Amino acid sequence: MSSASPPTVRRVALSPSGPALSALVAGVWRLASWEMDVGARVRWIEECLALGITSFDLAVNLKTAQQIGVTIPPEVLQRAVKVIK
């Protein structure tokens, strides 16, 4: 008995010569509130990738991060689509 492959999410090209990302975006804004350990988070990401989801949305509040002593690395900020100060 063979198992069927899971469906995959279609990709959308950002430009004719640019990257193609999954049409479905996995939101991780409240990932910490899911109360998953690191292993469970890794498995969730791997499952998304197996389904063809390659786009992940993450929001970081810079003011709050600064207030609680969390430093966002410059290379992360450089990759941000939008930075609101």
N, C-alpha and C. Protein backbone atom coordinates (compact mmCIF):
# COMPACT_ATOMS: atom_id res chain seq x y z
N MET A 1 0.84 -1.17 0.00
CA MET A 1 0.00 0.00 0.00
C MET A 1 0.89 1.23 0.00
N SER A 2 0.68 2.12 -0.95
CA SER A 2 1.49 3.33 -0.99
C SER A 2 0.71 4.49 -0.39
N SER A 3 1.42 5.34 0.30
CA SER A 3 0.75 6.50 0.88
C SER A 3 0.81 7.66 -0.11
N ALA A 4 -0.25 8.42 -0.15
CA ALA A 4 -0.32 9.56 -1.06
C ALA A 4 0.56 10.68 -0.55
N SER A 5 1.16 11.41 -1.46
CA SER A 5 1.97 12.57 -1.08
C SER A 5 1.04 13.68 -0.62
N PRO A 6 1.47 14.45 0.39
CA PRO A 6 0.63 15.56 0.83
C PRO A 6 0.56 16.63 -0.26
N PRO A 7 -0.54 17.36 -0.31
CA PRO A 7 -0.62 18.42 -1.32
C PRO A 7 0.42 19.50 -1.04
N THR A 8 0.87 20.15 -2.08
CA THR A 8 1.84 21.22 -1.88
C THR A 8 1.22 22.55 -2.29
N VAL A 9 1.67 23.58 -1.66
CA VAL A 9 1.17 24.93 -1.88
C VAL A 9 1.81 25.50 -3.15
N ARG A 10 1.00 26.14 -3.98
CA ARG A 10 1.54 26.72 -5.20
C ARG A 10 2.45 27.90 -4.85
N ARG A 11 3.37 28.19 -5.77
CA ARG A 11 4.32 29.28 -5.57
C ARG A 11 3.95 30.47 -6.43
N VAL A 12 4.31 31.65 -5.94
CA VAL A 12 4.06 32.91 -6.64
C VAL A 12 5.40 33.60 -6.86
N ALA A 13 5.70 33.94 -8.10
CA ALA A 13 6.95 34.64 -8.41
C ALA A 13 6.81 36.11 -8.02
N LEU A 14 7.80 36.62 -7.31
CA LEU A 14 7.77 38.02 -6.92
C LEU A 14 8.10 38.94 -8.08
N SER A 15 8.86 38.45 -9.02
CA SER A 15 9.18 39.17 -10.24
C SER A 15 9.61 38.13 -11.26
N PRO A 16 9.68 38.50 -12.56
CA PRO A 16 10.07 37.52 -13.56
C PRO A 16 11.41 36.84 -13.29
N SER A 17 12.34 37.58 -12.71
CA SER A 17 13.65 36.99 -12.43
C SER A 17 13.89 36.78 -10.94
N GLY A 18 12.88 37.08 -10.14
CA GLY A 18 13.06 37.01 -8.69
C GLY A 18 12.65 35.69 -8.10
N PRO A 19 12.66 35.59 -6.79
CA PRO A 19 12.31 34.34 -6.13
C PRO A 19 10.81 34.06 -6.20
N ALA A 20 10.47 32.81 -6.07
CA ALA A 20 9.07 32.40 -5.97
C ALA A 20 8.83 31.91 -4.55
N LEU A 21 7.81 32.45 -3.92
CA LEU A 21 7.48 32.08 -2.55
C LEU A 21 6.14 31.37 -2.53
N SER A 22 5.89 30.67 -1.46
CA SER A 22 4.61 29.98 -1.35
C SER A 22 3.48 31.00 -1.28
N ALA A 23 2.35 30.66 -1.90
CA ALA A 23 1.19 31.55 -1.89
C ALA A 23 0.56 31.60 -0.50
N LEU A 24 0.84 30.61 0.32
CA LEU A 24 0.35 30.56 1.69
C LEU A 24 1.49 30.92 2.63
N VAL A 25 1.22 31.80 3.59
CA VAL A 25 2.24 32.25 4.53
C VAL A 25 1.90 31.69 5.91
N ALA A 26 2.89 31.12 6.57
CA ALA A 26 2.71 30.62 7.93
C ALA A 26 3.00 31.77 8.89
N GLY A 27 2.03 32.12 9.69
CA GLY A 27 2.20 33.21 10.66
C GLY A 27 2.78 32.70 11.96
N VAL A 28 3.82 33.33 12.41
CA VAL A 28 4.46 32.90 13.66
C VAL A 28 4.51 34.02 14.69
N TRP A 29 3.65 35.01 14.50
CA TRP A 29 3.66 36.17 15.38
C TRP A 29 3.47 35.78 16.85
N ARG A 30 2.60 34.82 17.11
CA ARG A 30 2.33 34.41 18.49
C ARG A 30 2.89 33.02 18.81
N LEU A 31 3.98 32.68 18.15
CA LEU A 31 4.58 31.36 18.31
C LEU A 31 4.87 31.04 19.77
N ALA A 32 5.35 32.01 20.53
CA ALA A 32 5.69 31.76 21.94
C ALA A 32 4.45 31.36 22.75
N SER A 33 3.28 31.89 22.40
CA SER A 33 2.07 31.58 23.16
C SER A 33 1.55 30.17 22.87
N TRP A 34 2.11 29.50 21.87
CA TRP A 34 1.68 28.14 21.56
C TRP A 34 2.22 27.14 22.58
N GLU A 35 3.14 27.57 23.41
CA GLU A 35 3.71 26.74 24.48
C GLU A 35 4.29 25.42 23.96
N MET A 36 5.02 25.51 22.84
CA MET A 36 5.68 24.34 22.28
C MET A 36 7.16 24.41 22.63
N ASP A 37 7.75 23.26 22.92
CA ASP A 37 9.19 23.25 23.16
C ASP A 37 9.91 23.41 21.82
N VAL A 38 11.22 23.55 21.88
CA VAL A 38 12.00 23.78 20.66
C VAL A 38 11.79 22.66 19.64
N GLY A 39 11.79 21.43 20.09
CA GLY A 39 11.60 20.30 19.18
C GLY A 39 10.26 20.37 18.47
N ALA A 40 9.20 20.72 19.20
CA ALA A 40 7.88 20.83 18.59
C ALA A 40 7.83 21.97 17.57
N ARG A 41 8.51 23.07 17.89
CA ARG A 41 8.56 24.19 16.94
C ARG A 41 9.29 23.79 15.67
N VAL A 42 10.39 23.07 15.81
CA VAL A 42 11.15 22.61 14.65
C VAL A 42 10.29 21.67 13.81
N ARG A 43 9.58 20.74 14.46
CA ARG A 43 8.70 19.82 13.72
C ARG A 43 7.61 20.58 12.97
N TRP A 44 7.03 21.62 13.59
CA TRP A 44 6.00 22.42 12.94
C TRP A 44 6.56 23.10 11.69
N ILE A 45 7.74 23.68 11.80
CA ILE A 45 8.38 24.33 10.65
C ILE A 45 8.67 23.30 9.56
N GLU A 46 9.19 22.14 9.95
CA GLU A 46 9.48 21.08 8.97
C GLU A 46 8.20 20.62 8.27
N GLU A 47 7.09 20.52 9.00
CA GLU A 47 5.83 20.12 8.40
C GLU A 47 5.35 21.18 7.39
N CYS A 48 5.50 22.45 7.74
CA CYS A 48 5.15 23.53 6.80
C CYS A 48 5.98 23.40 5.53
N LEU A 49 7.28 23.21 5.68
CA LEU A 49 8.16 23.08 4.52
C LEU A 49 7.80 21.87 3.68
N ALA A 50 7.43 20.77 4.32
CA ALA A 50 7.03 19.56 3.58
C ALA A 50 5.78 19.80 2.75
N LEU A 51 4.92 20.71 3.20
CA LEU A 51 3.71 21.04 2.46
C LEU A 51 3.97 22.08 1.36
N GLY A 52 5.20 22.59 1.32
CA GLY A 52 5.53 23.58 0.31
C GLY A 52 5.41 25.01 0.78
N ILE A 53 5.16 25.20 2.07
CA ILE A 53 5.08 26.56 2.61
C ILE A 53 6.49 27.05 2.86
N THR A 54 6.88 28.09 2.12
CA THR A 54 8.24 28.62 2.24
C THR A 54 8.26 30.05 2.78
N SER A 55 7.08 30.60 3.04
CA SER A 55 6.98 31.98 3.51
C SER A 55 6.51 31.98 4.96
N PHE A 56 7.25 32.65 5.82
CA PHE A 56 6.89 32.75 7.23
C PHE A 56 6.82 34.22 7.61
N ASP A 57 5.77 34.60 8.30
CA ASP A 57 5.55 35.98 8.70
C ASP A 57 5.88 36.11 10.19
N LEU A 58 6.71 37.07 10.49
CA LEU A 58 7.13 37.29 11.87
C LEU A 58 7.10 38.78 12.15
N ALA A 59 6.47 39.15 13.24
CA ALA A 59 6.44 40.55 13.66
C ALA A 59 7.21 40.69 14.96
N VAL A 60 8.09 41.67 15.02
CA VAL A 60 8.86 41.96 16.23
C VAL A 60 8.65 43.42 16.58
N ASN A 61 8.24 43.69 17.79
CA ASN A 61 8.06 45.05 18.25
C ASN A 61 9.41 45.52 18.80
N LEU A 62 10.08 46.41 18.05
CA LEU A 62 11.43 46.85 18.44
C LEU A 62 11.44 47.58 19.77
N LYS A 63 10.43 48.39 20.02
CA LYS A 63 10.38 49.15 21.28
C LYS A 63 10.25 48.19 22.47
N THR A 64 9.36 47.22 22.34
CA THR A 64 9.19 46.24 23.41
C THR A 64 10.45 45.41 23.59
N ALA A 65 11.05 44.99 22.48
CA ALA A 65 12.28 44.20 22.56
C ALA A 65 13.35 44.97 23.33
N GLN A 66 13.49 46.25 23.01
CA GLN A 66 14.49 47.08 23.69
C GLN A 66 14.16 47.20 25.18
N GLN A 67 12.89 47.37 25.51
CA GLN A 67 12.48 47.52 26.91
C GLN A 67 12.77 46.28 27.75
N ILE A 68 12.69 45.11 27.12
CA ILE A 68 12.94 43.88 27.89
C ILE A 68 14.37 43.36 27.71
N GLY A 69 15.19 44.17 27.02
CA GLY A 69 16.60 43.83 26.89
C GLY A 69 16.95 42.86 25.78
N VAL A 70 16.08 42.71 24.79
CA VAL A 70 16.33 41.81 23.66
C VAL A 70 16.88 42.63 22.50
N THR A 71 18.01 42.22 21.97
CA THR A 71 18.62 42.91 20.83
C THR A 71 18.31 42.13 19.56
N ILE A 72 17.76 42.82 18.58
CA ILE A 72 17.48 42.21 17.28
C ILE A 72 18.73 42.42 16.43
N PRO A 73 19.35 41.35 15.96
CA PRO A 73 20.57 41.49 15.17
C PRO A 73 20.35 42.33 13.91
N PRO A 74 21.33 43.16 13.55
CA PRO A 74 21.19 44.02 12.36
C PRO A 74 20.86 43.24 11.09
N GLU A 75 21.40 42.02 10.96
CA GLU A 75 21.12 41.25 9.74
C GLU A 75 19.65 40.83 9.66
N VAL A 76 18.99 40.70 10.81
CA VAL A 76 17.56 40.40 10.80
C VAL A 76 16.78 41.64 10.36
N LEU A 77 17.15 42.79 10.91
CA LEU A 77 16.48 44.03 10.53
C LEU A 77 16.68 44.35 9.06
N GLN A 78 17.83 44.03 8.51
CA GLN A 78 18.10 44.29 7.09
C GLN A 78 17.21 43.46 6.19
N ARG A 79 16.78 42.30 6.65
CA ARG A 79 15.93 41.42 5.84
C ARG A 79 14.45 41.75 5.99
N ALA A 80 14.13 42.63 6.93
CA ALA A 80 12.73 42.98 7.18
C ALA A 80 12.12 43.69 5.99
N VAL A 81 10.88 43.37 5.72
CA VAL A 81 10.14 44.04 4.65
C VAL A 81 9.79 45.45 5.09
N LYS A 82 9.45 45.59 6.37
CA LYS A 82 9.05 46.89 6.89
C LYS A 82 9.54 47.01 8.33
N VAL A 83 10.15 48.13 8.67
CA VAL A 83 10.60 48.39 10.02
C VAL A 83 9.89 49.66 10.50
N ILE A 84 9.15 49.53 11.58
CA ILE A 84 8.44 50.67 12.17
C ILE A 84 9.10 50.97 13.50
N LYS A 85 9.53 52.20 13.67
CA LYS A 85 10.19 52.58 14.93
C LYS A 85 9.28 53.43 15.77
